[in-house]
Amino acid sequence: MGLYLPPFFYRFQSMRYYQVLISAETQENAHKILDALLPEKLVFGGPIWDAPAKFWWKDEIVEMNYAFIYTYTREDLKQRVIEKTNEVTSEDIPMISFTPLDANDALISLLESTFEA
């Protein structure tokens, strides 16, 4: 007898989703990035966080307010997210990270319906 895998297993195997974090120096830049990504359905959309930050930049520790976009995308769209962000950002080096998503069925269904529409 073969290994039984529940139906939802096949959905996760067919399409992977990722949590995405995209840096932006300002809220204005973050809005510009989302405005470029959303119409092409490259990302789901989400909050823009703006908070005090401290980090190394060009051999100095810099303190400033910094913005990040928190969103979701599909595996097959990752490279296009990077390319489009690079086209519109004002940052020298935008930080874009992708983390595999392990989510509840409701969120996966929402993402599927959004990206398929």
N, C-alpha and C. Protein backbone atom coordinates (compact mmCIF):
# COMPACT_ATOMS: atom_id res chain seq x y z
N MET A 1 0.84 -1.17 0.00
CA MET A 1 0.00 0.00 0.00
C MET A 1 0.89 1.24 0.00
N GLY A 2 0.52 2.25 -0.80
CA GLY A 2 1.31 3.47 -0.92
C GLY A 2 1.12 4.42 0.25
N LEU A 3 1.94 5.41 0.31
CA LEU A 3 1.88 6.43 1.35
C LEU A 3 0.68 7.33 1.10
N TYR A 4 -0.15 7.53 2.13
CA TYR A 4 -1.29 8.43 2.01
C TYR A 4 -0.85 9.86 2.30
N LEU A 5 -1.18 10.77 1.41
CA LEU A 5 -0.91 12.18 1.62
C LEU A 5 -2.24 12.93 1.53
N PRO A 6 -2.56 13.76 2.51
CA PRO A 6 -3.84 14.47 2.48
C PRO A 6 -3.91 15.42 1.28
N PRO A 7 -5.13 15.76 0.84
CA PRO A 7 -5.30 16.60 -0.36
C PRO A 7 -4.55 17.91 -0.32
N PHE A 8 -4.49 18.55 0.87
CA PHE A 8 -3.81 19.85 0.91
C PHE A 8 -2.32 19.74 0.60
N PHE A 9 -1.74 18.56 0.79
CA PHE A 9 -0.33 18.36 0.51
C PHE A 9 -0.02 18.67 -0.96
N TYR A 10 -0.90 18.25 -1.84
CA TYR A 10 -0.67 18.44 -3.27
C TYR A 10 -0.74 19.91 -3.66
N ARG A 11 -1.59 20.67 -2.97
CA ARG A 11 -1.67 22.09 -3.25
C ARG A 11 -0.35 22.76 -2.90
N PHE A 12 0.24 22.41 -1.77
CA PHE A 12 1.51 23.01 -1.36
C PHE A 12 2.63 22.59 -2.30
N GLN A 13 2.54 21.41 -2.84
CA GLN A 13 3.57 20.94 -3.76
C GLN A 13 3.49 21.65 -5.10
N SER A 14 2.28 22.03 -5.53
CA SER A 14 2.14 22.62 -6.86
C SER A 14 2.54 24.09 -6.90
N MET A 15 2.33 24.83 -5.80
CA MET A 15 2.68 26.25 -5.81
C MET A 15 3.17 26.65 -4.43
N ARG A 16 4.36 27.19 -4.38
CA ARG A 16 4.89 27.66 -3.10
C ARG A 16 4.70 29.17 -3.00
N TYR A 17 4.38 29.59 -1.81
CA TYR A 17 4.24 31.01 -1.52
C TYR A 17 5.33 31.43 -0.54
N TYR A 18 5.65 32.72 -0.57
CA TYR A 18 6.71 33.26 0.27
C TYR A 18 6.26 34.52 0.97
N GLN A 19 6.72 34.70 2.21
CA GLN A 19 6.62 35.98 2.87
C GLN A 19 7.76 36.82 2.30
N VAL A 20 7.48 38.08 2.04
CA VAL A 20 8.48 38.96 1.42
C VAL A 20 8.66 40.19 2.28
N LEU A 21 9.91 40.57 2.49
CA LEU A 21 10.25 41.79 3.19
C LEU A 21 11.10 42.63 2.24
N ILE A 22 10.63 43.85 1.97
CA ILE A 22 11.32 44.74 1.03
C ILE A 22 11.66 46.04 1.75
N SER A 23 12.91 46.43 1.71
CA SER A 23 13.32 47.67 2.37
C SER A 23 13.01 48.89 1.52
N ALA A 24 12.81 50.00 2.22
CA ALA A 24 12.58 51.29 1.57
C ALA A 24 13.05 52.36 2.54
N GLU A 25 13.80 53.32 2.06
CA GLU A 25 14.34 54.34 2.96
C GLU A 25 13.24 55.21 3.58
N THR A 26 12.13 55.37 2.86
CA THR A 26 11.04 56.21 3.36
C THR A 26 9.71 55.54 3.05
N GLN A 27 8.66 56.02 3.73
CA GLN A 27 7.32 55.53 3.41
C GLN A 27 6.94 55.87 1.97
N GLU A 28 7.36 57.04 1.52
CA GLU A 28 7.08 57.45 0.14
C GLU A 28 7.68 56.44 -0.84
N ASN A 29 8.92 56.03 -0.61
CA ASN A 29 9.56 55.04 -1.48
C ASN A 29 8.85 53.70 -1.39
N ALA A 30 8.41 53.32 -0.20
CA ALA A 30 7.69 52.06 -0.02
C ALA A 30 6.38 52.08 -0.82
N HIS A 31 5.66 53.19 -0.76
CA HIS A 31 4.42 53.30 -1.54
C HIS A 31 4.72 53.21 -3.04
N LYS A 32 5.80 53.83 -3.47
CA LYS A 32 6.19 53.79 -4.89
C LYS A 32 6.47 52.35 -5.32
N ILE A 33 7.15 51.59 -4.47
CA ILE A 33 7.45 50.18 -4.78
C ILE A 33 6.16 49.38 -4.86
N LEU A 34 5.29 49.51 -3.86
CA LEU A 34 4.02 48.77 -3.89
C LEU A 34 3.17 49.18 -5.08
N ASP A 35 3.17 50.47 -5.41
CA ASP A 35 2.39 50.93 -6.57
C ASP A 35 2.89 50.32 -7.88
N ALA A 36 4.15 49.94 -7.92
CA ALA A 36 4.69 49.28 -9.12
C ALA A 36 4.43 47.78 -9.11
N LEU A 37 4.43 47.15 -7.94
CA LEU A 37 4.27 45.69 -7.84
C LEU A 37 2.82 45.24 -7.90
N LEU A 38 1.92 45.99 -7.26
CA LEU A 38 0.53 45.55 -7.14
C LEU A 38 -0.22 45.43 -8.47
N PRO A 39 -0.15 46.41 -9.37
CA PRO A 39 -0.93 46.28 -10.61
C PRO A 39 -0.55 45.05 -11.45
N GLU A 40 0.68 44.60 -11.32
CA GLU A 40 1.13 43.42 -12.06
C GLU A 40 0.90 42.12 -11.28
N LYS A 41 0.27 42.24 -10.10
CA LYS A 41 0.02 41.11 -9.21
C LYS A 41 1.30 40.32 -8.92
N LEU A 42 2.37 41.05 -8.67
CA LEU A 42 3.62 40.41 -8.29
C LEU A 42 3.66 40.13 -6.80
N VAL A 43 2.88 40.88 -6.04
CA VAL A 43 2.77 40.68 -4.59
C VAL A 43 1.31 40.82 -4.19
N PHE A 44 1.01 40.34 -2.99
CA PHE A 44 -0.35 40.43 -2.45
C PHE A 44 -0.66 41.83 -1.93
N GLY A 45 0.35 42.52 -1.42
CA GLY A 45 0.16 43.80 -0.76
C GLY A 45 0.28 43.60 0.74
N GLY A 46 0.28 44.66 1.49
CA GLY A 46 0.39 44.52 2.93
C GLY A 46 0.85 45.80 3.58
N PRO A 47 1.20 45.70 4.86
CA PRO A 47 1.57 46.90 5.62
C PRO A 47 2.94 47.45 5.24
N ILE A 48 3.07 48.72 5.48
CA ILE A 48 4.36 49.40 5.39
C ILE A 48 4.71 49.81 6.81
N TRP A 49 5.83 49.32 7.29
CA TRP A 49 6.30 49.64 8.63
C TRP A 49 7.37 50.71 8.53
N ASP A 50 7.32 51.65 9.42
CA ASP A 50 8.32 52.71 9.48
C ASP A 50 8.74 52.82 10.95
N ALA A 51 10.02 52.63 11.21
CA ALA A 51 10.48 52.62 12.59
C ALA A 51 11.94 53.05 12.65
N PRO A 52 12.39 53.42 13.86
CA PRO A 52 13.81 53.74 14.02
C PRO A 52 14.67 52.52 13.67
N ALA A 53 15.81 52.77 13.05
CA ALA A 53 16.70 51.69 12.65
C ALA A 53 18.15 52.09 12.91
N LYS A 54 18.99 51.08 13.05
CA LYS A 54 20.42 51.30 13.23
C LYS A 54 21.11 50.16 12.50
N PHE A 55 22.05 50.49 11.60
CA PHE A 55 22.70 49.46 10.80
C PHE A 55 24.03 49.97 10.23
N TRP A 56 24.84 49.02 9.77
CA TRP A 56 26.10 49.36 9.11
C TRP A 56 25.82 49.78 7.68
N TRP A 57 26.44 50.91 7.25
CA TRP A 57 26.35 51.34 5.86
C TRP A 57 27.62 52.10 5.52
N LYS A 58 28.35 51.59 4.54
CA LYS A 58 29.60 52.21 4.08
C LYS A 58 30.55 52.48 5.24
N ASP A 59 30.80 51.43 6.02
CA ASP A 59 31.75 51.46 7.13
C ASP A 59 31.36 52.40 8.27
N GLU A 60 30.10 52.75 8.36
CA GLU A 60 29.62 53.59 9.46
C GLU A 60 28.32 52.99 10.00
N ILE A 61 28.08 53.22 11.28
CA ILE A 61 26.79 52.86 11.85
C ILE A 61 25.86 54.05 11.64
N VAL A 62 24.77 53.78 10.96
CA VAL A 62 23.79 54.81 10.61
C VAL A 62 22.54 54.62 11.46
N GLU A 63 21.97 55.72 11.94
CA GLU A 63 20.69 55.71 12.65
C GLU A 63 19.72 56.58 11.87
N MET A 64 18.55 56.02 11.58
CA MET A 64 17.52 56.76 10.84
C MET A 64 16.21 56.01 10.92
N ASN A 65 15.13 56.66 10.57
CA ASN A 65 13.88 55.94 10.40
C ASN A 65 13.98 55.17 9.09
N TYR A 66 13.39 53.99 9.08
CA TYR A 66 13.50 53.13 7.90
C TYR A 66 12.17 52.43 7.70
N ALA A 67 11.81 52.21 6.46
CA ALA A 67 10.53 51.58 6.13
C ALA A 67 10.74 50.20 5.52
N PHE A 68 9.79 49.32 5.77
CA PHE A 68 9.78 47.99 5.16
C PHE A 68 8.37 47.66 4.71
N ILE A 69 8.28 46.94 3.61
CA ILE A 69 7.02 46.41 3.11
C ILE A 69 6.98 44.94 3.50
N TYR A 70 5.86 44.51 4.07
CA TYR A 70 5.66 43.10 4.41
C TYR A 70 4.54 42.58 3.52
N THR A 71 4.85 41.55 2.72
CA THR A 71 3.86 41.08 1.75
C THR A 71 4.07 39.60 1.45
N TYR A 72 3.38 39.10 0.46
CA TYR A 72 3.48 37.71 0.02
C TYR A 72 3.61 37.66 -1.49
N THR A 73 4.23 36.58 -1.99
CA THR A 73 4.30 36.35 -3.43
C THR A 73 4.38 34.85 -3.70
N ARG A 74 4.28 34.50 -4.96
CA ARG A 74 4.45 33.11 -5.39
C ARG A 74 5.90 32.89 -5.78
N GLU A 75 6.30 31.62 -5.72
CA GLU A 75 7.67 31.26 -6.05
C GLU A 75 8.06 31.69 -7.47
N ASP A 76 7.17 31.52 -8.42
CA ASP A 76 7.49 31.85 -9.81
C ASP A 76 7.56 33.35 -10.08
N LEU A 77 7.18 34.18 -9.11
CA LEU A 77 7.22 35.63 -9.29
C LEU A 77 8.39 36.30 -8.60
N LYS A 78 9.17 35.54 -7.85
CA LYS A 78 10.25 36.13 -7.04
C LYS A 78 11.22 36.99 -7.86
N GLN A 79 11.70 36.49 -8.96
CA GLN A 79 12.67 37.24 -9.76
C GLN A 79 12.07 38.53 -10.31
N ARG A 80 10.81 38.49 -10.71
CA ARG A 80 10.15 39.70 -11.21
C ARG A 80 9.95 40.72 -10.09
N VAL A 81 9.70 40.26 -8.87
CA VAL A 81 9.59 41.17 -7.72
C VAL A 81 10.92 41.90 -7.54
N ILE A 82 12.01 41.17 -7.60
CA ILE A 82 13.34 41.77 -7.47
C ILE A 82 13.59 42.78 -8.57
N GLU A 83 13.33 42.39 -9.80
CA GLU A 83 13.59 43.28 -10.94
C GLU A 83 12.76 44.56 -10.87
N LYS A 84 11.47 44.43 -10.59
CA LYS A 84 10.59 45.60 -10.55
C LYS A 84 10.96 46.51 -9.38
N THR A 85 11.29 45.92 -8.24
CA THR A 85 11.72 46.73 -7.10
C THR A 85 12.98 47.51 -7.44
N ASN A 86 13.94 46.85 -8.07
CA ASN A 86 15.18 47.52 -8.47
C ASN A 86 14.92 48.66 -9.44
N GLU A 87 13.91 48.53 -10.29
CA GLU A 87 13.58 49.58 -11.26
C GLU A 87 13.07 50.85 -10.59
N VAL A 88 12.31 50.71 -9.51
CA VAL A 88 11.61 51.88 -8.96
C VAL A 88 12.16 52.40 -7.63
N THR A 89 12.98 51.64 -6.94
CA THR A 89 13.45 52.07 -5.63
C THR A 89 14.45 53.20 -5.74
N SER A 90 14.53 53.98 -4.67
CA SER A 90 15.56 55.03 -4.62
C SER A 90 16.79 54.55 -3.86
N GLU A 91 16.75 53.33 -3.35
CA GLU A 91 17.88 52.79 -2.59
C GLU A 91 18.98 52.27 -3.51
N ASP A 92 20.22 52.40 -3.04
CA ASP A 92 21.34 51.82 -3.77
C ASP A 92 21.26 50.30 -3.78
N ILE A 93 20.92 49.74 -2.63
CA ILE A 93 20.84 48.28 -2.49
C ILE A 93 19.55 47.96 -1.74
N PRO A 94 18.46 47.72 -2.45
CA PRO A 94 17.24 47.33 -1.74
C PRO A 94 17.42 45.93 -1.14
N MET A 95 16.99 45.80 0.10
CA MET A 95 17.06 44.49 0.76
C MET A 95 15.72 43.80 0.52
N ILE A 96 15.76 42.68 -0.18
CA ILE A 96 14.56 41.92 -0.49
C ILE A 96 14.80 40.50 -0.02
N SER A 97 13.97 40.04 0.91
CA SER A 97 14.15 38.68 1.40
C SER A 97 12.85 37.90 1.23
N PHE A 98 13.01 36.61 0.96
CA PHE A 98 11.89 35.69 0.75
C PHE A 98 12.01 34.55 1.75
N THR A 99 10.94 34.31 2.49
CA THR A 99 10.89 33.21 3.45
C THR A 99 9.75 32.29 3.06
N PRO A 100 10.01 30.99 2.91
CA PRO A 100 8.93 30.06 2.57
C PRO A 100 7.78 30.20 3.57
N LEU A 101 6.57 30.20 3.05
CA LEU A 101 5.38 30.41 3.87
C LEU A 101 4.78 29.09 4.32
N ASP A 102 4.60 28.96 5.61
CA ASP A 102 3.88 27.84 6.21
C ASP A 102 2.67 28.47 6.87
N ALA A 103 1.51 28.41 6.22
CA ALA A 103 0.35 29.18 6.67
C ALA A 103 -0.89 28.31 6.79
N ASN A 104 -1.90 28.90 7.40
CA ASN A 104 -3.18 28.22 7.50
C ASN A 104 -3.85 28.14 6.12
N ASP A 105 -4.80 27.21 6.00
CA ASP A 105 -5.48 27.00 4.72
C ASP A 105 -6.19 28.26 4.22
N ALA A 106 -6.76 29.04 5.14
CA ALA A 106 -7.48 30.24 4.73
C ALA A 106 -6.57 31.24 4.03
N LEU A 107 -5.37 31.44 4.57
CA LEU A 107 -4.43 32.37 3.93
C LEU A 107 -3.98 31.83 2.58
N ILE A 108 -3.68 30.55 2.52
CA ILE A 108 -3.27 29.96 1.24
C ILE A 108 -4.38 30.11 0.20
N SER A 109 -5.61 29.87 0.59
CA SER A 109 -6.74 30.02 -0.33
C SER A 109 -6.88 31.46 -0.80
N LEU A 110 -6.70 32.42 0.13
CA LEU A 110 -6.76 33.83 -0.24
C LEU A 110 -5.68 34.17 -1.25
N LEU A 111 -4.46 33.71 -1.02
CA LEU A 111 -3.37 33.97 -1.94
C LEU A 111 -3.63 33.33 -3.31
N GLU A 112 -4.10 32.09 -3.30
CA GLU A 112 -4.41 31.41 -4.55
C GLU A 112 -5.46 32.18 -5.34
N SER A 113 -6.52 32.59 -4.68
CA SER A 113 -7.59 33.29 -5.41
C SER A 113 -7.12 34.66 -5.90
N THR A 114 -6.26 35.31 -5.14
CA THR A 114 -5.74 36.61 -5.55
C THR A 114 -4.84 36.49 -6.78
N PHE A 115 -3.90 35.58 -6.73
CA PHE A 115 -2.94 35.47 -7.82
C PHE A 115 -3.52 34.81 -9.07
N GLU A 116 -4.57 34.02 -8.92
CA GLU A 116 -5.18 33.37 -10.08
C GLU A 116 -6.18 34.25 -10.78
N ALA A 117 -6.71 35.25 -10.09
CA ALA A 117 -7.75 36.11 -10.66
C ALA A 117 -7.20 37.01 -11.75
